[in-house]
Amino acid sequence: MDIEGAELDILEQMLVRKTFERVRLTVAETHENKFKELRPRFRALRLAVAEAYPTTRVNLDWI
């Protein structure tokens, strides 16, 4: 997933709705460096995802 910042809304909803449970692997490029005002949300998402899923299931570091 690489949609220039819009992935944050989608990934947050996937976490809330437990959509990651139904997907074998999610790979996303996040854009913390491009969207500084979104950094706190990205940080929270990364922490929540790391707590719930291994990087072999949800990887937010695709480049």
PDB file of N, CA and C in Angstrom:
ATOM      1  N   MET A   1       0.860  -1.164   0.000  1.00  0.00           N
ATOM      2  CA  MET A   1       0.000   0.000   0.000  1.00  0.00           C
ATOM      3  C   MET A   1       0.906   1.227   0.000  1.00  0.00           C
ATOM      4  N   ASP A   2       0.699   2.075  -0.950  1.00  0.00           N
ATOM      5  CA  ASP A   2       1.469   3.314  -1.040  1.00  0.00           C
ATOM      6  C   ASP A   2       0.554   4.367  -1.655  1.00  0.00           C
ATOM      7  N   ILE A   3      -0.121   5.118  -0.797  1.00  0.00           N
ATOM      8  CA  ILE A   3      -1.073   6.110  -1.301  1.00  0.00           C
ATOM      9  C   ILE A   3      -0.837   7.480  -0.666  1.00  0.00           C
ATOM     10  N   GLU A   4       0.453   7.797  -0.517  1.00  0.00           N
ATOM     11  CA  GLU A   4       0.929   9.134  -0.158  1.00  0.00           C
ATOM     12  C   GLU A   4       0.220   9.794   1.024  1.00  0.00           C
ATOM     13  N   GLY A   5       0.176   9.093   2.138  1.00  0.00           N
ATOM     14  CA  GLY A   5      -0.387   9.658   3.357  1.00  0.00           C
ATOM     15  C   GLY A   5      -1.800   9.193   3.654  1.00  0.00           C
ATOM     16  N   ALA A   6      -2.551   8.865   2.636  1.00  0.00           N
ATOM     17  CA  ALA A   6      -3.933   8.409   2.843  1.00  0.00           C
ATOM     18  C   ALA A   6      -3.983   7.016   3.458  1.00  0.00           C
ATOM     19  N   GLU A   7      -2.870   6.300   3.418  1.00  0.00           N
ATOM     20  CA  GLU A   7      -2.863   4.962   4.000  1.00  0.00           C
ATOM     21  C   GLU A   7      -3.095   5.002   5.507  1.00  0.00           C
ATOM     22  N   LEU A   8      -2.798   6.095   6.150  1.00  0.00           N
ATOM     23  CA  LEU A   8      -2.974   6.178   7.601  1.00  0.00           C
ATOM     24  C   LEU A   8      -4.429   5.930   7.988  1.00  0.00           C
ATOM     25  N   ASP A   9      -5.356   6.597   7.351  1.00  0.00           N
ATOM     26  CA  ASP A   9      -6.778   6.396   7.661  1.00  0.00           C
ATOM     27  C   ASP A   9      -7.193   4.950   7.429  1.00  0.00           C
ATOM     28  N   ILE A  10      -6.731   4.383   6.338  1.00  0.00           N
ATOM     29  CA  ILE A  10      -7.093   3.002   6.012  1.00  0.00           C
ATOM     30  C   ILE A  10      -6.497   2.031   7.016  1.00  0.00           C
ATOM     31  N   LEU A  11      -5.220   2.187   7.318  1.00  0.00           N
ATOM     32  CA  LEU A  11      -4.561   1.277   8.259  1.00  0.00           C
ATOM     33  C   LEU A  11      -5.161   1.375   9.660  1.00  0.00           C
ATOM     34  N   GLU A  12      -5.509   2.578  10.084  1.00  0.00           N
ATOM     35  CA  GLU A  12      -6.159   2.723  11.395  1.00  0.00           C
ATOM     36  C   GLU A  12      -7.485   1.970  11.422  1.00  0.00           C
ATOM     37  N   GLN A  13      -8.254   2.081  10.360  1.00  0.00           N
ATOM     38  CA  GLN A  13      -9.531   1.375  10.304  1.00  0.00           C
ATOM     39  C   GLN A  13      -9.343  -0.136  10.210  1.00  0.00           C
ATOM     40  N   MET A  14      -8.314  -0.555   9.482  1.00  0.00           N
ATOM     41  CA  MET A  14      -8.022  -1.990   9.412  1.00  0.00           C
ATOM     42  C   MET A  14      -7.699  -2.537  10.793  1.00  0.00           C
ATOM     43  N   LEU A  15      -6.991  -1.767  11.588  1.00  0.00           N
ATOM     44  CA  LEU A  15      -6.661  -2.188  12.947  1.00  0.00           C
ATOM     45  C   LEU A  15      -7.918  -2.256  13.804  1.00  0.00           C
ATOM     46  N   VAL A  16      -8.732  -1.223  13.765  1.00  0.00           N
ATOM     47  CA  VAL A  16      -9.964  -1.172  14.564  1.00  0.00           C
ATOM     48  C   VAL A  16     -10.920  -2.296  14.175  1.00  0.00           C
ATOM     49  N   ARG A  17     -11.055  -2.516  12.881  1.00  0.00           N
ATOM     50  CA  ARG A  17     -12.015  -3.518  12.381  1.00  0.00           C
ATOM     51  C   ARG A  17     -11.441  -4.927  12.328  1.00  0.00           C
ATOM     52  N   LYS A  18     -10.164  -5.059  12.744  1.00  0.00           N
ATOM     53  CA  LYS A  18      -9.473  -6.348  12.748  1.00  0.00           C
ATOM     54  C   LYS A  18      -9.367  -6.956  11.352  1.00  0.00           C
ATOM     55  N   THR A  19      -9.269  -6.106  10.361  1.00  0.00           N
ATOM     56  CA  THR A  19      -9.142  -6.563   8.976  1.00  0.00           C
ATOM     57  C   THR A  19      -7.831  -7.302   8.754  1.00  0.00           C
ATOM     58  N   PHE A  20      -6.791  -6.946   9.490  1.00  0.00           N
ATOM     59  CA  PHE A  20      -5.510  -7.632   9.343  1.00  0.00           C
ATOM     60  C   PHE A  20      -5.646  -9.129   9.624  1.00  0.00           C
ATOM     61  N   GLU A  21      -6.642  -9.508  10.401  1.00  0.00           N
ATOM     62  CA  GLU A  21      -6.878 -10.920  10.709  1.00  0.00           C
ATOM     63  C   GLU A  21      -7.216 -11.711   9.459  1.00  0.00           C
ATOM     64  N   ARG A  22      -7.819 -11.052   8.480  1.00  0.00           N
ATOM     65  CA  ARG A  22      -8.278 -11.739   7.265  1.00  0.00           C
ATOM     66  C   ARG A  22      -7.304 -11.605   6.095  1.00  0.00           C
ATOM     67  N   VAL A  23      -6.200 -10.894   6.318  1.00  0.00           N
ATOM     68  CA  VAL A  23      -5.223 -10.663   5.255  1.00  0.00           C
ATOM     69  C   VAL A  23      -3.932 -11.380   5.629  1.00  0.00           C
ATOM     70  N   ARG A  24      -3.389 -12.130   4.703  1.00  0.00           N
ATOM     71  CA  ARG A  24      -2.173 -12.889   4.989  1.00  0.00           C
ATOM     72  C   ARG A  24      -0.986 -11.972   5.285  1.00  0.00           C
ATOM     73  N   LEU A  25      -0.810 -10.933   4.473  1.00  0.00           N
ATOM     74  CA  LEU A  25       0.298 -10.001   4.666  1.00  0.00           C
ATOM     75  C   LEU A  25      -0.107  -8.622   4.168  1.00  0.00           C
ATOM     76  N   THR A  26       0.087  -7.638   4.998  1.00  0.00           N
ATOM     77  CA  THR A  26      -0.127  -6.242   4.620  1.00  0.00           C
ATOM     78  C   THR A  26       1.228  -5.558   4.639  1.00  0.00           C
ATOM     79  N   VAL A  27       1.568  -4.925   3.534  1.00  0.00           N
ATOM     80  CA  VAL A  27       2.823  -4.185   3.425  1.00  0.00           C
ATOM     81  C   VAL A  27       2.463  -2.768   3.014  1.00  0.00           C
ATOM     82  N   ALA A  28       2.934  -1.809   3.780  1.00  0.00           N
ATOM     83  CA  ALA A  28       2.577  -0.417   3.510  1.00  0.00           C
ATOM     84  C   ALA A  28       3.798   0.480   3.657  1.00  0.00           C
ATOM     85  N   GLU A  29       3.822   1.509   2.844  1.00  0.00           N
ATOM     86  CA  GLU A  29       4.811   2.567   3.001  1.00  0.00           C
ATOM     87  C   GLU A  29       4.107   3.715   3.698  1.00  0.00           C
ATOM     88  N   THR A  30       4.609   4.062   4.856  1.00  0.00           N
ATOM     89  CA  THR A  30       4.016   5.193   5.571  1.00  0.00           C
ATOM     90  C   THR A  30       4.832   6.439   5.248  1.00  0.00           C
ATOM     91  N   HIS A  31       4.267   7.571   5.505  1.00  0.00           N
ATOM     92  CA  HIS A  31       4.894   8.818   5.071  1.00  0.00           C
ATOM     93  C   HIS A  31       5.043   9.819   6.220  1.00  0.00           C
ATOM     94  N   GLU A  32       5.606   9.346   7.329  1.00  0.00           N
ATOM     95  CA  GLU A  32       5.821  10.242   8.464  1.00  0.00           C
ATOM     96  C   GLU A  32       6.664  11.454   8.091  1.00  0.00           C
ATOM     97  N   ASN A  33       7.648  11.248   7.234  1.00  0.00           N
ATOM     98  CA  ASN A  33       8.545  12.355   6.870  1.00  0.00           C
ATOM     99  C   ASN A  33       7.859  13.399   5.997  1.00  0.00           C
ATOM    100  N   LYS A  34       6.892  12.991   5.216  1.00  0.00           N
ATOM    101  CA  LYS A  34       6.177  13.925   4.339  1.00  0.00           C
ATOM    102  C   LYS A  34       5.109  14.705   5.081  1.00  0.00           C
ATOM    103  N   PHE A  35       4.474  14.064   6.045  1.00  0.00           N
ATOM    104  CA  PHE A  35       3.321  14.649   6.725  1.00  0.00           C
ATOM    105  C   PHE A  35       3.609  14.760   8.215  1.00  0.00           C
ATOM    106  N   LYS A  36       4.366  15.769   8.581  1.00  0.00           N
ATOM    107  CA  LYS A  36       4.818  15.924   9.965  1.00  0.00           C
ATOM    108  C   LYS A  36       3.666  16.046  10.950  1.00  0.00           C
ATOM    109  N   GLU A  37       2.570  16.648  10.543  1.00  0.00           N
ATOM    110  CA  GLU A  37       1.427  16.810  11.442  1.00  0.00           C
ATOM    111  C   GLU A  37       0.752  15.477  11.773  1.00  0.00           C
ATOM    112  N   LEU A  38       1.024  14.451  10.964  1.00  0.00           N
ATOM    113  CA  LEU A  38       0.432  13.135  11.201  1.00  0.00           C
ATOM    114  C   LEU A  38       1.338  12.207  12.006  1.00  0.00           C
ATOM    115  N   ARG A  39       2.521  12.658  12.335  1.00  0.00           N
ATOM    116  CA  ARG A  39       3.478  11.794  13.031  1.00  0.00           C
ATOM    117  C   ARG A  39       2.949  11.176  14.317  1.00  0.00           C
ATOM    118  N   PRO A  40       2.221  11.901  15.168  1.00  0.00           N
ATOM    119  CA  PRO A  40       1.691  11.249  16.376  1.00  0.00           C
ATOM    120  C   PRO A  40       0.736  10.090  16.049  1.00  0.00           C
ATOM    121  N   ARG A  41      -0.078  10.261  15.039  1.00  0.00           N
ATOM    122  CA  ARG A  41      -0.990   9.172  14.639  1.00  0.00           C
ATOM    123  C   ARG A  41      -0.216   7.993  14.059  1.00  0.00           C
ATOM    124  N   PHE A  42       0.790   8.274  13.236  1.00  0.00           N
ATOM    125  CA  PHE A  42       1.615   7.199  12.695  1.00  0.00           C
ATOM    126  C   PHE A  42       2.317   6.450  13.822  1.00  0.00           C
ATOM    127  N   ARG A  43       2.835   7.188  14.797  1.00  0.00           N
ATOM    128  CA  ARG A  43       3.534   6.571  15.927  1.00  0.00           C
ATOM    129  C   ARG A  43       2.581   5.653  16.698  1.00  0.00           C
ATOM    130  N   ALA A  44       1.379   6.135  16.962  1.00  0.00           N
ATOM    131  CA  ALA A  44       0.385   5.330  17.682  1.00  0.00           C
ATOM    132  C   ALA A  44       0.008   4.091  16.883  1.00  0.00           C
ATOM    133  N   LEU A  45      -0.152   4.258  15.585  1.00  0.00           N
ATOM    134  CA  LEU A  45      -0.481   3.113  14.729  1.00  0.00           C
ATOM    135  C   LEU A  45       0.635   2.086  14.758  1.00  0.00           C
ATOM    136  N   ARG A  46       1.864   2.549  14.609  1.00  0.00           N
ATOM    137  CA  ARG A  46       2.998   1.623  14.621  1.00  0.00           C
ATOM    138  C   ARG A  46       3.077   0.842  15.942  1.00  0.00           C
ATOM    139  N   LEU A  47       2.874   1.523  17.041  1.00  0.00           N
ATOM    140  CA  LEU A  47       2.920   0.848  18.344  1.00  0.00           C
ATOM    141  C   LEU A  47       1.813  -0.195  18.466  1.00  0.00           C
ATOM    142  N   ALA A  48       0.615   0.174  18.071  1.00  0.00           N
ATOM    143  CA  ALA A  48      -0.521  -0.747  18.168  1.00  0.00           C
ATOM    144  C   ALA A  48      -0.345  -1.950  17.247  1.00  0.00           C
ATOM    145  N   VAL A  49       0.130  -1.708  16.042  1.00  0.00           N
ATOM    146  CA  VAL A  49       0.343  -2.810  15.098  1.00  0.00           C
ATOM    147  C   VAL A  49       1.451  -3.722  15.600  1.00  0.00           C
ATOM    148  N   ALA A  50       2.544  -3.156  16.082  1.00  0.00           N
ATOM    149  CA  ALA A  50       3.662  -3.962  16.583  1.00  0.00           C
ATOM    150  C   ALA A  50       3.251  -4.814  17.779  1.00  0.00           C
ATOM    151  N   GLU A  51       2.350  -4.303  18.582  1.00  0.00           N
ATOM    152  CA  GLU A  51       1.869  -5.050  19.744  1.00  0.00           C
ATOM    153  C   GLU A  51       0.970  -6.206  19.325  1.00  0.00           C
ATOM    154  N   ALA A  52       0.239  -6.030  18.240  1.00  0.00           N
ATOM    155  CA  ALA A  52      -0.761  -7.023  17.836  1.00  0.00           C
ATOM    156  C   ALA A  52      -0.279  -8.016  16.780  1.00  0.00           C
ATOM    157  N   TYR A  53       0.686  -7.618  15.943  1.00  0.00           N
ATOM    158  CA  TYR A  53       1.061  -8.451  14.799  1.00  0.00           C
ATOM    159  C   TYR A  53       2.569  -8.460  14.581  1.00  0.00           C
ATOM    160  N   PRO A  54       3.101  -9.604  14.151  1.00  0.00           N
ATOM    161  CA  PRO A  54       4.513  -9.633  13.770  1.00  0.00           C
ATOM    162  C   PRO A  54       4.691  -8.945  12.407  1.00  0.00           C
ATOM    163  N   THR A  55       5.924  -8.536  12.093  1.00  0.00           N
ATOM    164  CA  THR A  55       6.170  -7.873  10.810  1.00  0.00           C
ATOM    165  C   THR A  55       5.958  -8.824   9.630  1.00  0.00           C
ATOM    166  N   THR A  56       5.905 -10.099   9.884  1.00  0.00           N
ATOM    167  CA  THR A  56       5.601 -11.049   8.810  1.00  0.00           C
ATOM    168  C   THR A  56       4.118 -11.042   8.464  1.00  0.00           C
ATOM    169  N   ARG A  57       3.325 -10.351   9.262  1.00  0.00           N
ATOM    170  CA  ARG A  57       1.876 -10.216   9.016  1.00  0.00           C
ATOM    171  C   ARG A  57       1.517  -8.799   8.595  1.00  0.00           C
ATOM    172  N   VAL A  58       2.081  -7.803   9.297  1.00  0.00           N
ATOM    173  CA  VAL A  58       1.837  -6.393   8.971  1.00  0.00           C
ATOM    174  C   VAL A  58       3.179  -5.676   8.997  1.00  0.00           C
ATOM    175  N   ASN A  59       3.608  -5.221   7.844  1.00  0.00           N
ATOM    176  CA  ASN A  59       4.900  -4.554   7.722  1.00  0.00           C
ATOM    177  C   ASN A  59       4.663  -3.135   7.240  1.00  0.00           C
ATOM    178  N   LEU A  60       5.001  -2.168   8.087  1.00  0.00           N
ATOM    179  CA  LEU A  60       4.778  -0.754   7.758  1.00  0.00           C
ATOM    180  C   LEU A  60       6.061  -0.073   7.274  1.00  0.00           C
ATOM    181  N   ASP A  61       7.052  -0.845   6.924  1.00  0.00           N
ATOM    182  CA  ASP A  61       8.330  -0.287   6.496  1.00  0.00           C
ATOM    183  C   ASP A  61       8.679  -0.598   5.052  1.00  0.00           C
ATOM    184  N   TRP A  62       7.662  -0.802   4.230  1.00  0.00           N
ATOM    185  CA  TRP A  62       7.936  -1.040   2.816  1.00  0.00           C
ATOM    186  C   TRP A  62       8.369   0.259   2.162  1.00  0.00           C
ATOM    187  N   ILE A  63       9.416   0.178   1.385  1.00  0.00           N
ATOM    188  CA  ILE A  63       9.881   1.352   0.631  1.00  0.00           C
ATOM    189  C   ILE A  63      10.193   0.918  -0.779  1.00  0.00           C
TER     190      ILE A  63
END
